[in-house]
Amino acid sequence: MKRLFVYSLAVATLLLASACNKDDNNQNNASDNNSSGGKKLSKVTWIYDEGGAQTFSEETIFTWDGANLKRVELWDEGERDYYVDFTYNNGRLDEITYQETGKGGETDVFRLTYNGDRITGVACYYDGVHEDDYVLSYNSEGLLSSFDINSGYFVFYLTWTNGNITRRDVVSEGYNLYLYDNKRNPYPQPYALFMAFLDEDFYYLSANNLETKRWIPENGGNSSTRSYTYTYDGDYPSMCSYSSAGGSGRYYFQYTDGGGLTPPAH
């Protein structure tokens, strides 16, 4: 997972948008623990194929300590691939630790710095070596507007509409356009932030669930689009499906209050 942001930005990820749900008072604060009205994720199961008859599965399991997300584990076909621990200082997210669980798996640590309530910097350590620094800037409304990796190595600019990131520009690469539903995105903020680090897509920080993601490369190459369809448990997703030339799949959401959908046997 070294140098998370240096992978090709033109490759569309299959991962579902991982975003926190924010209320009017805290939607500008990238450090909130969870603003989803008290309903918490316990598991997300992804069952998918890669264009053939065989299906695969991944489970993301969420462990909570009261209102704080404590740990997330990713299990791939019954084998634990990695876990992520979240550390807090006076209730505020302070550090994210990623640990691969295979033999020789690396340890990556993200240490957050703040100006008031806003995260303004992240120092990244890979197996104990300080290699990367991220600088976060905000617009006049207090929303995250740019993300600079290693003083211009990669720079992202974000456009917001009604609490959602609707465009992400990547300097010298191209841009993404996003459309959303009007339901609550259930992913807690610390996980959303980690997934933004992991997959370079800041729609994870949006208030609602991603319905369409389109990538338009700067060099005039082929654009790509993926669409998602949801069923809901009240205001929260219980299942999400997609289909494309590269394969199809479904995400099943389960919550600590017993809500959501149990995935079929795999």
Protein backbone atom coordinates (compact mmCIF):
# COMPACT_ATOMS: atom_id res chain seq x y z
CA MET A 1 0.00 0.00 0.00
CA LYS A 2 3.04 2.32 -0.16
CA ARG A 3 2.47 5.77 -1.62
CA LEU A 4 -1.26 5.32 -1.79
CA PHE A 5 -1.90 8.21 -4.14
CA VAL A 6 0.62 7.45 -6.88
CA TYR A 7 -1.40 4.74 -8.63
CA SER A 8 -3.02 5.61 -11.97
CA LEU A 9 -5.90 7.96 -11.34
CA ALA A 10 -7.59 6.96 -14.59
CA VAL A 11 -8.40 3.48 -13.26
CA ALA A 12 -11.94 3.35 -11.86
CA THR A 13 -12.17 1.63 -8.49
CA LEU A 14 -14.91 -0.90 -7.82
CA LEU A 15 -15.21 0.16 -4.21
CA LEU A 16 -18.44 1.74 -3.11
CA ALA A 17 -18.38 5.36 -2.03
CA SER A 18 -17.47 5.50 1.63
CA ALA A 19 -18.73 8.72 3.09
CA CYS A 20 -19.89 10.12 6.38
CA ASN A 21 -23.27 11.65 6.86
CA LYS A 22 -23.03 15.18 8.23
CA ASP A 23 -25.48 17.47 9.89
CA ASP A 24 -25.64 21.21 9.23
CA ASN A 25 -23.35 22.06 12.14
CA ASN A 26 -20.51 19.62 11.47
CA GLN A 27 -20.42 18.94 7.74
CA ASN A 28 -17.33 21.13 7.40
CA ASN A 29 -15.33 19.25 10.01
CA ALA A 30 -13.34 16.35 8.64
CA SER A 31 -12.70 14.95 12.11
CA ASP A 32 -16.23 14.06 13.23
CA ASN A 33 -16.53 10.48 14.44
CA ASN A 34 -19.98 9.61 13.14
CA SER A 35 -22.88 11.85 12.23
CA SER A 36 -25.31 9.26 10.95
CA GLY A 37 -27.98 9.82 13.59
CA GLY A 38 -26.82 6.95 15.82
CA LYS A 39 -27.31 4.15 13.26
CA LYS A 40 -23.96 2.39 12.89
CA LEU A 41 -22.60 -0.04 10.34
CA SER A 42 -21.58 -3.47 11.59
CA LYS A 43 -20.74 -5.17 8.29
CA VAL A 44 -20.68 -4.56 4.55
CA THR A 45 -20.51 -7.67 2.33
CA TRP A 46 -19.49 -7.34 -1.30
CA ILE A 47 -20.40 -10.27 -3.58
CA TYR A 48 -19.17 -9.83 -7.14
CA ASP A 49 -17.99 -11.41 -10.36
CA GLU A 50 -15.41 -10.31 -12.89
CA GLY A 51 -17.45 -10.96 -16.00
CA GLY A 52 -17.60 -14.74 -15.59
CA ALA A 53 -19.70 -17.31 -13.75
CA GLN A 54 -17.53 -17.45 -10.62
CA THR A 55 -18.38 -15.11 -7.77
CA PHE A 56 -16.17 -13.77 -4.99
CA SER A 57 -16.84 -12.11 -1.66
CA GLU A 58 -15.32 -9.57 0.71
CA GLU A 59 -16.50 -8.58 4.17
CA THR A 60 -15.74 -5.29 5.88
CA ILE A 61 -16.39 -5.57 9.62
CA PHE A 62 -16.76 -2.50 11.86
CA THR A 63 -15.95 -2.54 15.60
CA TRP A 64 -17.15 0.33 17.78
CA ASP A 65 -16.22 1.75 21.17
CA GLY A 66 -19.33 3.70 22.03
CA ALA A 67 -19.67 6.46 19.42
CA ASN A 68 -16.10 6.01 18.17
CA LEU A 69 -15.10 3.65 15.37
CA LYS A 70 -12.36 1.50 16.85
CA ARG A 71 -11.34 -0.99 14.14
CA VAL A 72 -12.20 -2.04 10.59
CA GLU A 73 -11.23 -5.46 9.20
CA LEU A 74 -11.30 -6.57 5.57
CA TRP A 75 -11.83 -10.29 4.97
CA ASP A 76 -11.31 -11.61 1.44
CA GLU A 77 -12.81 -15.05 0.80
CA GLY A 78 -12.51 -15.91 4.48
CA GLU A 79 -8.92 -14.69 4.88
CA ARG A 80 -8.21 -11.47 6.75
CA ASP A 81 -6.40 -9.12 4.36
CA TYR A 82 -5.85 -6.17 6.67
CA TYR A 83 -7.16 -4.26 9.64
CA VAL A 84 -7.28 -0.55 10.41
CA ASP A 85 -7.17 0.91 13.93
CA PHE A 86 -8.42 4.41 14.77
CA THR A 87 -6.91 6.32 17.71
CA TYR A 88 -8.54 9.35 19.35
CA ASN A 89 -7.32 12.17 21.56
CA ASN A 90 -10.04 13.82 23.66
CA GLY A 91 -12.65 12.36 21.31
CA ARG A 92 -10.98 13.65 18.15
CA LEU A 93 -9.43 11.37 15.54
CA ASP A 94 -5.66 11.52 16.00
CA GLU A 95 -4.10 8.59 14.12
CA ILE A 96 -5.00 5.85 11.63
CA THR A 97 -2.94 2.64 11.55
CA TYR A 98 -3.19 0.22 8.63
CA GLN A 99 -1.78 -3.29 9.13
CA GLU A 100 -1.51 -5.95 6.43
CA THR A 101 -1.95 -9.34 8.04
CA GLY A 102 -0.02 -11.59 5.65
CA LYS A 103 3.58 -12.62 6.20
CA GLY A 104 5.79 -9.56 5.94
CA GLY A 105 2.78 -7.26 5.77
CA GLU A 106 3.63 -3.60 6.12
CA THR A 107 2.38 -1.14 8.70
CA ASP A 108 1.27 2.31 7.57
CA VAL A 109 0.48 5.13 9.99
CA PHE A 110 -1.35 8.40 9.20
CA ARG A 111 -0.90 11.13 11.85
CA LEU A 112 -3.33 14.04 11.65
CA THR A 113 -2.66 17.67 12.52
CA TYR A 114 -5.37 20.29 13.07
CA ASN A 115 -5.99 24.00 12.93
CA GLY A 116 -8.91 24.39 15.28
CA ASP A 117 -11.40 21.70 14.28
CA ARG A 118 -10.09 21.23 10.73
CA ILE A 119 -7.60 18.63 9.62
CA THR A 120 -4.89 20.60 7.81
CA GLY A 121 -2.11 18.03 7.46
CA VAL A 122 -1.38 14.31 7.46
CA ALA A 123 2.09 12.82 8.00
CA CYS A 124 2.38 9.33 6.47
CA TYR A 125 4.77 6.68 7.78
CA TYR A 126 5.40 3.41 5.93
CA ASP A 127 7.01 0.72 8.11
CA GLY A 128 8.21 3.49 10.42
CA VAL A 129 9.70 5.72 7.71
CA HIS A 130 8.19 9.19 7.18
CA GLU A 131 7.69 9.37 3.40
CA ASP A 132 4.64 11.48 2.51
CA ASP A 133 2.87 14.63 3.66
CA TYR A 134 -0.64 15.75 2.70
CA VAL A 135 -1.82 19.36 3.04
CA LEU A 136 -5.58 20.06 3.19
CA SER A 137 -7.09 23.46 2.35
CA TYR A 138 -10.66 24.74 2.77
CA ASN A 139 -12.93 27.18 0.95
CA SER A 140 -14.76 30.18 2.43
CA GLU A 141 -17.59 27.87 3.54
CA GLY A 142 -15.18 25.68 5.46
CA LEU A 143 -15.42 22.75 3.02
CA LEU A 144 -12.36 20.82 1.89
CA SER A 145 -11.30 22.41 -1.41
CA SER A 146 -7.83 21.05 -2.20
CA PHE A 147 -5.53 18.22 -1.23
CA ASP A 148 -1.82 18.57 -1.98
CA ILE A 149 0.49 15.57 -1.80
CA ASN A 150 4.19 16.24 -1.23
CA SER A 151 4.12 19.90 -2.34
CA GLY A 152 2.59 19.43 -5.76
CA TYR A 153 3.39 15.77 -6.53
CA PHE A 154 -0.36 15.29 -6.88
CA VAL A 155 -2.95 18.02 -6.36
CA PHE A 156 -6.74 17.53 -6.16
CA TYR A 157 -9.40 20.26 -6.30
CA LEU A 158 -12.93 19.59 -5.04
CA THR A 159 -16.28 21.15 -5.99
CA TRP A 160 -19.23 20.83 -3.59
CA THR A 161 -23.00 21.04 -4.13
CA ASN A 162 -25.53 20.56 -1.31
CA GLY A 163 -23.08 18.73 0.94
CA ASN A 164 -21.75 16.44 -1.80
CA ILE A 165 -18.53 16.50 -3.80
CA THR A 166 -19.79 16.76 -7.38
CA ARG A 167 -16.45 17.21 -9.14
CA ARG A 168 -12.86 16.23 -8.42
CA ASP A 169 -10.12 17.74 -10.58
CA VAL A 170 -6.70 16.07 -10.65
CA VAL A 171 -3.99 18.40 -11.93
CA SER A 172 -2.51 17.14 -15.24
CA GLU A 173 -4.70 14.00 -15.16
CA GLY A 174 -8.41 14.80 -15.68
CA TYR A 175 -11.54 15.06 -13.59
CA ASN A 176 -14.42 13.07 -12.09
CA LEU A 177 -18.10 14.00 -12.09
CA TYR A 178 -20.42 12.54 -9.42
CA LEU A 179 -24.19 12.22 -8.93
CA TYR A 180 -25.88 11.15 -5.67
CA ASP A 181 -29.18 10.00 -4.22
CA ASN A 182 -30.89 11.88 -1.37
CA LYS A 183 -30.43 9.20 1.32
CA ARG A 184 -27.95 9.03 4.18
CA ASN A 185 -24.51 7.62 3.47
CA PRO A 186 -23.86 5.36 6.48
CA TYR A 187 -20.06 5.12 6.51
CA PRO A 188 -18.47 6.74 9.59
CA GLN A 189 -16.12 9.66 9.12
CA PRO A 190 -12.84 8.00 10.21
CA TYR A 191 -13.35 5.17 7.72
CA ALA A 192 -14.37 7.64 5.01
CA LEU A 193 -11.15 9.56 5.59
CA PHE A 194 -9.05 6.39 5.45
CA MET A 195 -10.72 5.28 2.23
CA ALA A 196 -10.04 8.71 0.73
CA PHE A 197 -6.36 8.12 1.49
CA LEU A 198 -6.54 4.59 0.11
CA ASP A 199 -8.45 5.22 -3.13
CA GLU A 200 -7.83 8.88 -3.92
CA ASP A 201 -11.54 9.67 -4.27
CA PHE A 202 -12.96 12.32 -1.99
CA TYR A 203 -16.61 11.63 -2.79
CA TYR A 204 -16.25 9.43 0.30
CA LEU A 205 -16.69 12.64 2.29
CA SER A 206 -20.07 13.44 0.73
CA ALA A 207 -23.34 13.37 2.65
CA ASN A 208 -25.28 11.03 0.32
CA ASN A 209 -24.75 7.80 -1.61
CA LEU A 210 -22.97 7.80 -4.95
CA GLU A 211 -25.21 6.88 -7.91
CA THR A 212 -22.95 7.73 -10.86
CA LYS A 213 -19.21 8.23 -11.17
CA ARG A 214 -17.63 9.40 -14.42
CA TRP A 215 -13.93 9.86 -15.18
CA ILE A 216 -12.86 12.21 -18.01
CA PRO A 217 -9.12 12.08 -18.77
CA GLU A 218 -7.30 15.28 -19.68
CA ASN A 219 -5.52 13.79 -22.71
CA GLY A 220 -8.75 13.05 -24.59
CA GLY A 221 -8.64 9.32 -23.88
CA ASN A 222 -11.65 7.16 -23.18
CA SER A 223 -13.93 8.23 -20.36
CA SER A 224 -15.51 5.67 -18.04
CA THR A 225 -18.80 5.60 -16.12
CA ARG A 226 -20.19 3.37 -13.40
CA SER A 227 -23.71 3.58 -11.95
CA TYR A 228 -25.11 2.17 -8.70
CA THR A 229 -28.71 1.29 -7.73
CA TYR A 230 -29.88 1.09 -4.11
CA THR A 231 -32.56 -0.39 -1.93
CA TYR A 232 -33.02 1.19 1.48
CA ASP A 233 -33.65 0.54 5.15
CA GLY A 234 -35.47 3.80 5.85
CA ASP A 235 -33.00 6.56 5.01
CA TYR A 236 -30.04 4.18 4.89
CA PRO A 237 -28.89 1.79 2.13
CA SER A 238 -29.48 -1.90 2.71
CA MET A 239 -28.21 -3.08 -0.68
CA CYS A 240 -26.39 -1.57 -3.65
CA SER A 241 -25.95 -3.18 -7.06
CA TYR A 242 -23.96 -2.36 -10.17
CA SER A 243 -23.24 -3.94 -13.55
CA SER A 244 -20.67 -3.10 -16.20
CA ALA A 245 -18.45 -4.67 -18.86
CA GLY A 246 -15.90 -5.42 -16.15
CA GLY A 247 -18.33 -7.39 -13.99
CA SER A 248 -21.24 -6.97 -11.62
CA GLY A 249 -21.84 -7.11 -7.91
CA ARG A 250 -23.87 -6.22 -4.86
CA TYR A 251 -23.07 -4.66 -1.50
CA TYR A 252 -25.13 -5.74 1.52
CA PHE A 253 -25.25 -3.38 4.51
CA GLN A 254 -25.87 -4.57 8.06
CA TYR A 255 -26.27 -2.30 11.10
CA THR A 256 -25.72 -2.61 14.83
CA ASP A 257 -29.47 -2.12 15.46
CA GLY A 258 -30.26 -5.23 13.39
CA GLY A 259 -31.28 -3.31 10.26
CA GLY A 260 -30.08 -3.81 6.72
CA LEU A 261 -29.92 -6.99 4.65
CA THR A 262 -28.18 -10.30 5.28
CA PRO A 263 -26.27 -11.43 2.15
CA PRO A 264 -27.14 -14.74 0.50
CA ALA A 265 -24.92 -17.75 1.12
CA HIS A 266 -21.79 -17.67 -1.01
